[in-house]
C-alpha atoms as a PDB file:
ATOM      1  CA  MET A   1       0.091   0.054  -0.070  1.00  0.00           C
ATOM      2  CA  SER A   2       1.474   3.509  -0.694  1.00  0.00           C
ATOM      3  CA  ARG A   3       1.521   6.407   1.263  1.00  0.00           C
ATOM      4  CA  LEU A   4      -1.181   7.751  -0.221  1.00  0.00           C
ATOM      5  CA  GLU A   5      -3.390   4.859  -0.213  1.00  0.00           C
ATOM      6  CA  ALA A   6      -2.920   4.734   3.499  1.00  0.00           C
ATOM      7  CA  LEU A   7      -3.668   8.402   4.049  1.00  0.00           C
ATOM      8  CA  GLN A   8      -6.519   8.184   1.852  1.00  0.00           C
ATOM      9  CA  LYS A   9      -7.612   5.221   4.203  1.00  0.00           C
ATOM     10  CA  PHE A  10      -7.285   7.150   7.113  1.00  0.00           C
ATOM     11  CA  VAL A  11      -9.275   9.913   6.112  1.00  0.00           C
ATOM     12  CA  GLU A  12     -11.904   7.330   5.452  1.00  0.00           C
ATOM     13  CA  GLN A  13     -11.310   5.816   8.498  1.00  0.00           C
ATOM     14  CA  SER A  14     -11.501   9.210  10.469  1.00  0.00           C
ATOM     15  CA  PRO A  15     -14.208  11.347   8.904  1.00  0.00           C
ATOM     16  CA  SER A  16     -14.175  13.776  11.969  1.00  0.00           C
ATOM     17  CA  ASP A  17     -10.591  14.642  12.547  1.00  0.00           C
ATOM     18  CA  PRO A  18      -8.564  16.984   9.826  1.00  0.00           C
ATOM     19  CA  PHE A  19      -5.538  15.955  10.896  1.00  0.00           C
ATOM     20  CA  PRO A  20      -5.464  12.913   8.337  1.00  0.00           C
ATOM     21  CA  LEU A  21      -7.162  14.931   5.499  1.00  0.00           C
ATOM     22  CA  TYR A  22      -4.222  17.810   6.464  1.00  0.00           C
ATOM     23  CA  GLY A  23      -1.687  14.459   6.029  1.00  0.00           C
ATOM     24  CA  LEU A  24      -3.599  14.135   2.469  1.00  0.00           C
ATOM     25  CA  ALA A  25      -3.267  16.895   1.205  1.00  0.00           C
ATOM     26  CA  MET A  26       0.528  17.874   2.474  1.00  0.00           C
ATOM     27  CA  GLU A  27       1.324  14.559   0.662  1.00  0.00           C
ATOM     28  CA  LEU A  28      -0.518  14.948  -2.539  1.00  0.00           C
ATOM     29  CA  LYS A  29       1.487  18.829  -2.553  1.00  0.00           C
ATOM     30  CA  ASN A  30       4.340  17.401  -2.212  1.00  0.00           C
ATOM     31  CA  ALA A  31       4.066  14.423  -4.513  1.00  0.00           C
ATOM     32  CA  GLY A  32       3.866  17.100  -7.033  1.00  0.00           C
ATOM     33  CA  GLN A  33       0.263  16.709  -7.531  1.00  0.00           C
ATOM     34  CA  PRO A  34      -1.166  20.009  -6.777  1.00  0.00           C
ATOM     35  CA  GLU A  35      -4.345  20.448  -7.879  1.00  0.00           C
ATOM     36  CA  GLU A  36      -5.223  17.140  -6.302  1.00  0.00           C
ATOM     37  CA  ALA A  37      -3.798  18.912  -2.794  1.00  0.00           C
ATOM     38  CA  HIS A  38      -5.418  21.843  -3.601  1.00  0.00           C
ATOM     39  CA  GLN A  39      -9.155  19.748  -3.774  1.00  0.00           C
ATOM     40  CA  LYS A  40      -8.076  18.395  -0.283  1.00  0.00           C
ATOM     41  CA  PHE A  41      -7.479  21.692   1.178  1.00  0.00           C
ATOM     42  CA  VAL A  42     -10.975  23.179  -0.368  1.00  0.00           C
ATOM     43  CA  THR A  43     -12.402  19.884   1.214  1.00  0.00           C
ATOM     44  CA  LEU A  44     -10.439  20.618   4.656  1.00  0.00           C
ATOM     45  CA  GLU A  45     -11.247  24.008   5.263  1.00  0.00           C
ATOM     46  CA  THR A  46     -15.504  23.644   4.085  1.00  0.00           C
ATOM     47  CA  LYS A  47     -15.157  20.950   6.582  1.00  0.00           C
ATOM     48  CA  PHE A  48     -12.628  21.691   9.440  1.00  0.00           C
ATOM     49  CA  PRO A  49     -12.641  26.058   9.147  1.00  0.00           C
ATOM     50  CA  ASP A  50     -10.846  26.079  12.618  1.00  0.00           C
ATOM     51  CA  TYR A  51      -8.183  23.557  11.704  1.00  0.00           C
ATOM     52  CA  VAL A  52      -5.359  26.748  11.574  1.00  0.00           C
ATOM     53  CA  ALA A  53      -2.519  24.769  10.072  1.00  0.00           C
ATOM     54  CA  GLN A  54      -4.061  24.538   6.899  1.00  0.00           C
ATOM     55  CA  TYR A  55      -4.215  28.015   5.662  1.00  0.00           C
ATOM     56  CA  LEU A  56      -0.574  28.766   5.612  1.00  0.00           C
ATOM     57  CA  MET A  57       0.332  25.122   3.355  1.00  0.00           C
ATOM     58  CA  HIS A  58      -3.017  26.155   1.551  1.00  0.00           C
ATOM     59  CA  GLY A  59      -2.039  29.593   0.467  1.00  0.00           C
ATOM     60  CA  GLN A  60       1.489  29.055   0.058  1.00  0.00           C
ATOM     61  CA  LEU A  61       0.488  25.836  -2.943  1.00  0.00           C
ATOM     62  CA  LEU A  62      -1.623  28.039  -4.324  1.00  0.00           C
ATOM     63  CA  ALA A  63       0.933  31.205  -4.451  1.00  0.00           C
ATOM     64  CA  GLY A  64       3.505  28.810  -5.904  1.00  0.00           C
ATOM     65  CA  LEU A  65       1.358  28.432  -8.563  1.00  0.00           C
ATOM     66  CA  ASP A  66       0.918  31.831  -9.228  1.00  0.00           C
ATOM     67  CA  ARG A  67      -2.939  32.033  -8.216  1.00  0.00           C
ATOM     68  CA  LYS A  68      -2.218  35.145  -6.267  1.00  0.00           C
ATOM     69  CA  GLU A  69      -5.292  36.062  -5.612  1.00  0.00           C
ATOM     70  CA  GLU A  70      -6.741  32.654  -4.374  1.00  0.00           C
ATOM     71  CA  ALA A  71      -3.771  32.248  -2.225  1.00  0.00           C
ATOM     72  CA  ARG A  72      -4.672  36.026  -0.613  1.00  0.00           C
ATOM     73  CA  GLY A  73      -7.924  34.893   0.008  1.00  0.00           C
ATOM     74  CA  VAL A  74      -6.922  31.511   1.914  1.00  0.00           C
ATOM     75  CA  PHE A  75      -4.512  33.725   3.764  1.00  0.00           C
ATOM     76  CA  THR A  76      -7.082  36.174   5.047  1.00  0.00           C
ATOM     77  CA  ARG A  77      -9.527  33.220   6.182  1.00  0.00           C
ATOM     78  CA  GLY A  78      -6.436  31.956   7.651  1.00  0.00           C
ATOM     79  CA  ILE A  79      -5.552  34.973   9.689  1.00  0.00           C
ATOM     80  CA  GLU A  80      -9.342  35.314  10.580  1.00  0.00           C
ATOM     81  CA  ALA A  81      -9.468  31.614  12.215  1.00  0.00           C
ATOM     82  CA  SER A  82      -6.149  32.183  13.804  1.00  0.00           C
ATOM     83  CA  ARG A  83      -7.690  35.210  15.479  1.00  0.00           C
ATOM     84  CA  LYS A  84     -10.634  33.352  16.636  1.00  0.00           C
ATOM     85  CA  LYS A  85      -8.207  30.275  17.861  1.00  0.00           C
ATOM     86  CA  GLY A  86      -6.113  32.488  19.668  1.00  0.00           C
ATOM     87  CA  ASN A  87      -3.134  31.473  17.583  1.00  0.00           C
ATOM     88  CA  ALA A  88      -0.466  33.764  17.375  1.00  0.00           C
ATOM     89  CA  HIS A  89       2.064  32.091  16.063  1.00  0.00           C
ATOM     90  CA  ALA A  90      -0.073  31.065  12.978  1.00  0.00           C
ATOM     91  CA  LEU A  91      -1.661  34.614  13.082  1.00  0.00           C
ATOM     92  CA  GLY A  92       2.179  35.863  12.624  1.00  0.00           C
ATOM     93  CA  GLU A  93       3.032  33.515   9.929  1.00  0.00           C
ATOM     94  CA  LEU A  94      -0.098  33.939   7.782  1.00  0.00           C
ATOM     95  CA  GLU A  95       0.402  37.608   7.836  1.00  0.00           C
ATOM     96  CA  GLN A  96       4.068  37.252   6.699  1.00  0.00           C
ATOM     97  CA  ALA A  97       2.848  35.282   3.975  1.00  0.00           C
ATOM     98  CA  LEU A  98       0.050  37.542   3.121  1.00  0.00           C
ATOM     99  CA  ASP A  99       2.634  40.520   3.478  1.00  0.00           C
ATOM    100  CA  ALA A 100       5.057  38.805   1.138  1.00  0.00           C
ATOM    101  CA  LEU A 101       2.405  38.452  -1.966  1.00  0.00           C
END
């Protein structure tokens, strides 16, 4: 079983846990499958908008694909989520990423 298949299985076994879906999105990103990774990040944000870690990685993926307006939207939503969660570290990283666009 490949790493992608194992992660997909974890996602199916734990539909209420954002971490396996995040792991799958990251694995797709690292495997050179950006569109598939983007779709998983979209699903992740839809199902788990409070999962702050996703926003920086998703925004960076989009920025790397030269989809800067989409990246800006992701970073902005991540900033809002970070403020709600009181996650100052993520907030700082997302603000820096947004400023760098």
